[in-house]
Amino acid sequence: LFRSHAQEKNLPQARHLLLAVVNDKALSAMARASALARLVGPWNAAEEQAVRAATRDSEGLVRAAAVDVLQPAPLPLRSALLPPLLQDPLRTVRMAAARALADVPARQWDATTAIQQQAALQDYVRGQQANADRPEALNNLALLYATQGDLETARSALQQALATAPDFVATRLNLADVLRAQRQEAQALQVLEDGARAQSGSAAVWSGDR
């Protein structure tokens, strides 16, 4: 049986195996990247060293996985490891690094890094906007705007996503969070209640309860 990521996080023997795969450059990039994606933090010293090395790996898939696994890491670690990837040869890696650093104050960067961050972040936004007919893309944009403190633009994107796909649960949850952050508790509750009613109605239809 396959174990969940949460289970793996709490099994030292599983983490030891994942670390071995990440560090084994004889294995395929896909295998190493997949193992790294499952090696979620917090990390011990050996695991953190592997993540650090992965940001400099020769394989783009491994570097991309390193960015993804670093996204929820503490700000000092992200700020130390991700800026070089803003000039990665792969556009996807550059965009992912920029997104992972979106909450870092611009004043923290030197002029060159600030330009690289802005360029990669603009690429990310354009990529999401190109898929704005999909709720996932609008949700991604909203999370970026919220991370940057622009709650009103985040709210607008989430409302657009909800209009596109009313059953997309992540959108409702994120919109409720934004509304709460704006101290609009009643509206946040309404969004969640509307979603619960919609889910109940769908279940009734599928069960034949007209």
C-alpha atoms as a PDB file:
ATOM      1  CA  LEU A   1       0.000   0.000   0.000  1.00  0.00           C
ATOM      2  CA  PHE A   2       1.142   3.543  -0.746  1.00  0.00           C
ATOM      3  CA  ARG A   3       1.407   5.867   2.218  1.00  0.00           C
ATOM      4  CA  SER A   4       0.210   9.458   2.245  1.00  0.00           C
ATOM      5  CA  HIS A   5       2.670  12.347   2.301  1.00  0.00           C
ATOM      6  CA  ALA A   6       1.623  13.074   5.869  1.00  0.00           C
ATOM      7  CA  GLN A   7       2.477   9.542   6.898  1.00  0.00           C
ATOM      8  CA  GLU A   8       5.842   9.719   5.137  1.00  0.00           C
ATOM      9  CA  LYS A   9       6.624  12.958   6.947  1.00  0.00           C
ATOM     10  CA  ASN A  10       6.483  11.133  10.252  1.00  0.00           C
ATOM     11  CA  LEU A  11       8.359   7.981   9.228  1.00  0.00           C
ATOM     12  CA  PRO A  12      12.129   8.372   9.590  1.00  0.00           C
ATOM     13  CA  GLN A  13      12.808   5.239   7.539  1.00  0.00           C
ATOM     14  CA  ALA A  14      10.717   6.570   4.658  1.00  0.00           C
ATOM     15  CA  ARG A  15      12.481   9.923   4.778  1.00  0.00           C
ATOM     16  CA  HIS A  16      15.836   8.159   4.777  1.00  0.00           C
ATOM     17  CA  LEU A  17      14.860   6.340   1.579  1.00  0.00           C
ATOM     18  CA  LEU A  18      13.595   9.531  -0.050  1.00  0.00           C
ATOM     19  CA  LEU A  19      16.842  11.290   0.816  1.00  0.00           C
ATOM     20  CA  ALA A  20      18.851   8.458  -0.710  1.00  0.00           C
ATOM     21  CA  VAL A  21      16.900   8.769  -3.961  1.00  0.00           C
ATOM     22  CA  VAL A  22      17.335  12.546  -4.078  1.00  0.00           C
ATOM     23  CA  ASN A  23      21.090  12.224  -3.637  1.00  0.00           C
ATOM     24  CA  ASP A  24      21.570   9.367  -6.136  1.00  0.00           C
ATOM     25  CA  LYS A  25      22.500  11.042  -9.414  1.00  0.00           C
ATOM     26  CA  ALA A  26      22.576   7.679 -11.145  1.00  0.00           C
ATOM     27  CA  LEU A  27      18.779   7.709 -10.996  1.00  0.00           C
ATOM     28  CA  SER A  28      16.560   9.580 -13.425  1.00  0.00           C
ATOM     29  CA  ALA A  29      15.772  13.232 -12.884  1.00  0.00           C
ATOM     30  CA  MET A  30      12.088  12.341 -12.651  1.00  0.00           C
ATOM     31  CA  ALA A  31      12.705   9.860  -9.835  1.00  0.00           C
ATOM     32  CA  ARG A  32      14.891  12.286  -7.911  1.00  0.00           C
ATOM     33  CA  ALA A  33      12.466  15.189  -8.380  1.00  0.00           C
ATOM     34  CA  SER A  34       9.529  13.057  -7.254  1.00  0.00           C
ATOM     35  CA  ALA A  35      11.392  11.984  -4.126  1.00  0.00           C
ATOM     36  CA  LEU A  36      12.368  15.571  -3.365  1.00  0.00           C
ATOM     37  CA  ALA A  37       8.761  16.714  -3.727  1.00  0.00           C
ATOM     38  CA  ARG A  38       7.798  14.247  -1.001  1.00  0.00           C
ATOM     39  CA  LEU A  39      10.621  15.259   1.323  1.00  0.00           C
ATOM     40  CA  VAL A  40       8.611  18.015   2.965  1.00  0.00           C
ATOM     41  CA  GLY A  41       9.988  20.134   5.763  1.00  0.00           C
ATOM     42  CA  PRO A  42      10.970  20.615   8.449  1.00  0.00           C
ATOM     43  CA  TRP A  43      14.285  19.020   7.550  1.00  0.00           C
ATOM     44  CA  ASN A  44      17.185  17.663   9.518  1.00  0.00           C
ATOM     45  CA  ALA A  45      20.699  18.783   8.599  1.00  0.00           C
ATOM     46  CA  ALA A  46      21.240  16.093   5.936  1.00  0.00           C
ATOM     47  CA  GLU A  47      17.860  16.750   4.345  1.00  0.00           C
ATOM     48  CA  GLU A  48      18.399  20.499   4.243  1.00  0.00           C
ATOM     49  CA  GLN A  49      21.782  19.949   2.639  1.00  0.00           C
ATOM     50  CA  ALA A  50      20.123  17.839  -0.062  1.00  0.00           C
ATOM     51  CA  VAL A  51      17.563  20.582  -0.712  1.00  0.00           C
ATOM     52  CA  ARG A  52      20.328  23.159  -0.930  1.00  0.00           C
ATOM     53  CA  ALA A  53      22.223  20.990  -3.404  1.00  0.00           C
ATOM     54  CA  ALA A  54      19.059  20.423  -5.433  1.00  0.00           C
ATOM     55  CA  THR A  55      18.754  24.151  -6.131  1.00  0.00           C
ATOM     56  CA  ARG A  56      22.099  23.865  -7.940  1.00  0.00           C
ATOM     57  CA  ASP A  57      21.415  20.529  -9.634  1.00  0.00           C
ATOM     58  CA  SER A  58      22.200  20.103 -13.328  1.00  0.00           C
ATOM     59  CA  GLU A  59      18.697  18.748 -13.962  1.00  0.00           C
ATOM     60  CA  GLY A  60      15.898  21.255 -14.396  1.00  0.00           C
ATOM     61  CA  LEU A  61      13.290  18.894 -12.981  1.00  0.00           C
ATOM     62  CA  VAL A  62      15.249  18.611  -9.755  1.00  0.00           C
ATOM     63  CA  ARG A  63      15.738  22.380  -9.489  1.00  0.00           C
ATOM     64  CA  ALA A  64      12.006  22.883 -10.071  1.00  0.00           C
ATOM     65  CA  ALA A  65      11.187  20.378  -7.335  1.00  0.00           C
ATOM     66  CA  ALA A  66      13.583  22.180  -5.005  1.00  0.00           C
ATOM     67  CA  VAL A  67      11.717  25.448  -5.567  1.00  0.00           C
ATOM     68  CA  ASP A  68       8.375  23.791  -4.892  1.00  0.00           C
ATOM     69  CA  VAL A  69       9.514  22.125  -1.675  1.00  0.00           C
ATOM     70  CA  LEU A  70      11.082  25.394  -0.501  1.00  0.00           C
ATOM     71  CA  GLN A  71       7.952  27.480  -1.053  1.00  0.00           C
ATOM     72  CA  PRO A  72       6.575  26.932   2.488  1.00  0.00           C
ATOM     73  CA  ALA A  73      10.055  27.123   4.066  1.00  0.00           C
ATOM     74  CA  PRO A  74      10.993  29.949   6.443  1.00  0.00           C
ATOM     75  CA  LEU A  75      11.713  33.259   4.734  1.00  0.00           C
ATOM     76  CA  PRO A  76      15.447  33.387   5.605  1.00  0.00           C
ATOM     77  CA  LEU A  77      16.043  30.015   3.940  1.00  0.00           C
ATOM     78  CA  ARG A  78      14.080  30.933   0.818  1.00  0.00           C
ATOM     79  CA  SER A  79      15.855  34.279   0.613  1.00  0.00           C
ATOM     80  CA  ALA A  80      19.214  32.542   0.791  1.00  0.00           C
ATOM     81  CA  LEU A  81      18.589  29.747  -1.712  1.00  0.00           C
ATOM     82  CA  LEU A  82      16.133  30.935  -4.350  1.00  0.00           C
ATOM     83  CA  PRO A  83      17.468  34.241  -5.775  1.00  0.00           C
ATOM     84  CA  PRO A  84      20.039  32.514  -8.047  1.00  0.00           C
ATOM     85  CA  LEU A  85      17.157  30.601  -9.647  1.00  0.00           C
ATOM     86  CA  LEU A  86      15.621  33.868 -10.834  1.00  0.00           C
ATOM     87  CA  GLN A  87      18.127  33.604 -13.682  1.00  0.00           C
ATOM     88  CA  ASP A  88      17.723  29.865 -14.238  1.00  0.00           C
ATOM     89  CA  PRO A  89      17.906  28.692 -17.882  1.00  0.00           C
ATOM     90  CA  LEU A  90      14.370  27.287 -17.552  1.00  0.00           C
ATOM     91  CA  ARG A  91      11.514  29.788 -17.599  1.00  0.00           C
ATOM     92  CA  THR A  92       9.356  27.535 -15.431  1.00  0.00           C
ATOM     93  CA  VAL A  93      12.016  27.470 -12.722  1.00  0.00           C
ATOM     94  CA  ARG A  94      12.462  31.248 -12.871  1.00  0.00           C
ATOM     95  CA  MET A  95       8.712  31.800 -12.524  1.00  0.00           C
ATOM     96  CA  ALA A  96       8.396  29.328  -9.664  1.00  0.00           C
ATOM     97  CA  ALA A  97      11.279  30.966  -7.816  1.00  0.00           C
ATOM     98  CA  ALA A  98       9.726  34.395  -8.262  1.00  0.00           C
ATOM     99  CA  ARG A  99       6.393  33.139  -6.972  1.00  0.00           C
ATOM    100  CA  ALA A 100       8.066  31.552  -3.946  1.00  0.00           C
ATOM    101  CA  LEU A 101       9.759  34.875  -3.170  1.00  0.00           C
ATOM    102  CA  ALA A 102       6.689  37.055  -3.733  1.00  0.00           C
ATOM    103  CA  ASP A 103       6.372  37.835  -0.021  1.00  0.00           C
ATOM    104  CA  VAL A 104       9.939  39.125   0.290  1.00  0.00           C
ATOM    105  CA  PRO A 105      10.036  42.943   0.585  1.00  0.00           C
ATOM    106  CA  ALA A 106      11.556  44.499  -2.534  1.00  0.00           C
ATOM    107  CA  ARG A 107      13.910  46.595  -0.400  1.00  0.00           C
ATOM    108  CA  GLN A 108      15.679  43.391   0.637  1.00  0.00           C
ATOM    109  CA  TRP A 109      17.058  42.806  -2.866  1.00  0.00           C
ATOM    110  CA  ASP A 110      19.933  44.486  -4.612  1.00  0.00           C
ATOM    111  CA  ALA A 111      19.059  46.242  -7.879  1.00  0.00           C
ATOM    112  CA  THR A 112      19.951  43.288 -10.118  1.00  0.00           C
ATOM    113  CA  THR A 113      17.993  40.728  -8.100  1.00  0.00           C
ATOM    114  CA  ALA A 114      15.011  43.076  -7.887  1.00  0.00           C
ATOM    115  CA  ILE A 115      14.914  43.371 -11.681  1.00  0.00           C
ATOM    116  CA  GLN A 116      15.210  39.603 -12.110  1.00  0.00           C
ATOM    117  CA  GLN A 117      12.463  39.004  -9.547  1.00  0.00           C
ATOM    118  CA  GLN A 118      10.112  41.474 -11.204  1.00  0.00           C
ATOM    119  CA  ALA A 119      10.720  40.067 -14.684  1.00  0.00           C
ATOM    120  CA  ALA A 120      10.138  36.469 -13.601  1.00  0.00           C
ATOM    121  CA  LEU A 121       7.052  37.445 -11.614  1.00  0.00           C
ATOM    122  CA  GLN A 122       5.616  39.262 -14.613  1.00  0.00           C
ATOM    123  CA  ASP A 123       6.157  36.107 -16.661  1.00  0.00           C
ATOM    124  CA  TYR A 124       4.273  34.139 -13.997  1.00  0.00           C
ATOM    125  CA  VAL A 125       1.357  36.571 -14.027  1.00  0.00           C
ATOM    126  CA  ARG A 126       1.165  36.550 -17.822  1.00  0.00           C
ATOM    127  CA  GLY A 127       1.148  32.761 -17.818  1.00  0.00           C
ATOM    128  CA  GLN A 128      -1.742  32.642 -15.382  1.00  0.00           C
ATOM    129  CA  GLN A 129      -3.637  35.378 -17.218  1.00  0.00           C
ATOM    130  CA  ALA A 130      -3.338  33.394 -20.435  1.00  0.00           C
ATOM    131  CA  ASN A 131      -5.398  30.690 -18.705  1.00  0.00           C
ATOM    132  CA  ALA A 132      -7.834  33.051 -17.000  1.00  0.00           C
ATOM    133  CA  ASP A 133     -10.768  30.974 -18.235  1.00  0.00           C
ATOM    134  CA  ARG A 134      -9.687  28.313 -15.749  1.00  0.00           C
ATOM    135  CA  PRO A 135     -10.426  28.718 -12.028  1.00  0.00           C
ATOM    136  CA  GLU A 136      -7.052  27.271 -11.078  1.00  0.00           C
ATOM    137  CA  ALA A 137      -5.223  30.115 -12.832  1.00  0.00           C
ATOM    138  CA  LEU A 138      -7.403  32.783 -11.242  1.00  0.00           C
ATOM    139  CA  ASN A 139      -6.932  31.122  -7.872  1.00  0.00           C
ATOM    140  CA  ASN A 140      -3.155  31.179  -8.375  1.00  0.00           C
ATOM    141  CA  LEU A 141      -3.262  34.876  -9.225  1.00  0.00           C
ATOM    142  CA  ALA A 142      -5.403  35.599  -6.188  1.00  0.00           C
ATOM    143  CA  LEU A 143      -2.952  33.808  -3.892  1.00  0.00           C
ATOM    144  CA  LEU A 144      -0.122  35.867  -5.380  1.00  0.00           C
ATOM    145  CA  TYR A 145      -1.991  39.135  -4.873  1.00  0.00           C
ATOM    146  CA  ALA A 146      -2.900  38.172  -1.315  1.00  0.00           C
ATOM    147  CA  THR A 147       0.735  37.294  -0.601  1.00  0.00           C
ATOM    148  CA  GLN A 148       1.682  40.767  -1.816  1.00  0.00           C
ATOM    149  CA  GLY A 149      -0.948  42.330   0.426  1.00  0.00           C
ATOM    150  CA  ASP A 150      -3.334  43.357  -2.368  1.00  0.00           C
ATOM    151  CA  LEU A 151      -6.477  41.840  -0.879  1.00  0.00           C
ATOM    152  CA  GLU A 152      -8.922  43.730  -3.064  1.00  0.00           C
ATOM    153  CA  THR A 153      -7.377  42.457  -6.308  1.00  0.00           C
ATOM    154  CA  ALA A 154      -7.178  38.980  -4.793  1.00  0.00           C
ATOM    155  CA  ARG A 155     -10.854  39.162  -3.930  1.00  0.00           C
ATOM    156  CA  SER A 156     -11.759  40.242  -7.459  1.00  0.00           C
ATOM    157  CA  ALA A 157      -9.812  37.330  -8.985  1.00  0.00           C
ATOM    158  CA  LEU A 158     -11.457  34.838  -6.633  1.00  0.00           C
ATOM    159  CA  GLN A 159     -14.921  36.166  -7.373  1.00  0.00           C
ATOM    160  CA  GLN A 160     -14.197  35.797 -11.081  1.00  0.00           C
ATOM    161  CA  ALA A 161     -12.980  32.244 -10.492  1.00  0.00           C
ATOM    162  CA  LEU A 162     -16.099  31.450  -8.509  1.00  0.00           C
ATOM    163  CA  ALA A 163     -18.307  32.761 -11.297  1.00  0.00           C
ATOM    164  CA  THR A 164     -16.406  30.537 -13.730  1.00  0.00           C
ATOM    165  CA  ALA A 165     -16.583  27.395 -11.573  1.00  0.00           C
ATOM    166  CA  PRO A 166     -18.936  27.638  -8.557  1.00  0.00           C
ATOM    167  CA  ASP A 167     -18.007  24.111  -7.428  1.00  0.00           C
ATOM    168  CA  PHE A 168     -14.272  24.806  -7.157  1.00  0.00           C
ATOM    169  CA  VAL A 169     -13.865  24.370  -3.397  1.00  0.00           C
ATOM    170  CA  ALA A 170     -10.401  25.936  -3.097  1.00  0.00           C
ATOM    171  CA  THR A 171     -11.751  29.191  -4.515  1.00  0.00           C
ATOM    172  CA  ARG A 172     -14.508  29.392  -1.911  1.00  0.00           C
ATOM    173  CA  LEU A 173     -12.132  28.702   0.941  1.00  0.00           C
ATOM    174  CA  ASN A 174      -9.616  31.263  -0.282  1.00  0.00           C
ATOM    175  CA  LEU A 175     -12.312  33.871  -0.899  1.00  0.00           C
ATOM    176  CA  ALA A 176     -13.627  33.342   2.621  1.00  0.00           C
ATOM    177  CA  ASP A 177     -10.090  33.810   3.968  1.00  0.00           C
ATOM    178  CA  VAL A 178      -9.667  37.060   2.029  1.00  0.00           C
ATOM    179  CA  LEU A 179     -13.020  38.356   3.233  1.00  0.00           C
ATOM    180  CA  ARG A 180     -12.084  37.538   6.821  1.00  0.00           C
ATOM    181  CA  ALA A 181      -8.797  39.378   6.352  1.00  0.00           C
ATOM    182  CA  GLN A 182     -10.880  42.345   5.200  1.00  0.00           C
ATOM    183  CA  ARG A 183     -13.011  41.935   8.352  1.00  0.00           C
ATOM    184  CA  GLN A 184     -16.081  40.989   6.378  1.00  0.00           C
ATOM    185  CA  GLU A 185     -17.051  37.978   8.449  1.00  0.00           C
ATOM    186  CA  ALA A 186     -20.695  37.895   7.357  1.00  0.00           C
ATOM    187  CA  GLN A 187     -19.767  37.776   3.675  1.00  0.00           C
ATOM    188  CA  ALA A 188     -17.135  35.110   4.347  1.00  0.00           C
ATOM    189  CA  LEU A 189     -19.719  32.953   6.100  1.00  0.00           C
ATOM    190  CA  GLN A 190     -22.176  33.484   3.237  1.00  0.00           C
ATOM    191  CA  VAL A 191     -19.602  32.281   0.706  1.00  0.00           C
ATOM    192  CA  LEU A 192     -19.059  29.086   2.706  1.00  0.00           C
ATOM    193  CA  GLU A 193     -22.762  28.502   3.283  1.00  0.00           C
ATOM    194  CA  ASP A 194     -23.508  28.958  -0.422  1.00  0.00           C
ATOM    195  CA  GLY A 195     -20.854  26.371  -1.189  1.00  0.00           C
ATOM    196  CA  ALA A 196     -22.266  23.915   1.343  1.00  0.00           C
ATOM    197  CA  ARG A 197     -25.736  24.287  -0.148  1.00  0.00           C
ATOM    198  CA  ALA A 198     -24.391  23.772  -3.655  1.00  0.00           C
ATOM    199  CA  GLN A 199     -22.561  20.634  -2.551  1.00  0.00           C
ATOM    200  CA  SER A 200     -25.698  19.305  -0.842  1.00  0.00           C
ATOM    201  CA  GLY A 201     -27.732  19.965  -3.963  1.00  0.00           C
ATOM    202  CA  SER A 202     -25.235  18.120  -6.135  1.00  0.00           C
ATOM    203  CA  ALA A 203     -25.266  15.140  -3.777  1.00  0.00           C
ATOM    204  CA  ALA A 204     -29.051  15.085  -3.891  1.00  0.00           C
ATOM    205  CA  VAL A 205     -29.046  15.060  -7.686  1.00  0.00           C
ATOM    206  CA  TRP A 206     -26.523  12.225  -7.854  1.00  0.00           C
ATOM    207  CA  SER A 207     -28.463  10.190  -5.303  1.00  0.00           C
ATOM    208  CA  GLY A 208     -31.699  10.597  -7.223  1.00  0.00           C
ATOM    209  CA  ASP A 209     -33.258  12.828  -4.550  1.00  0.00           C
ATOM    210  CA  ARG A 210     -35.144  15.371  -6.657  1.00  0.00           C
END
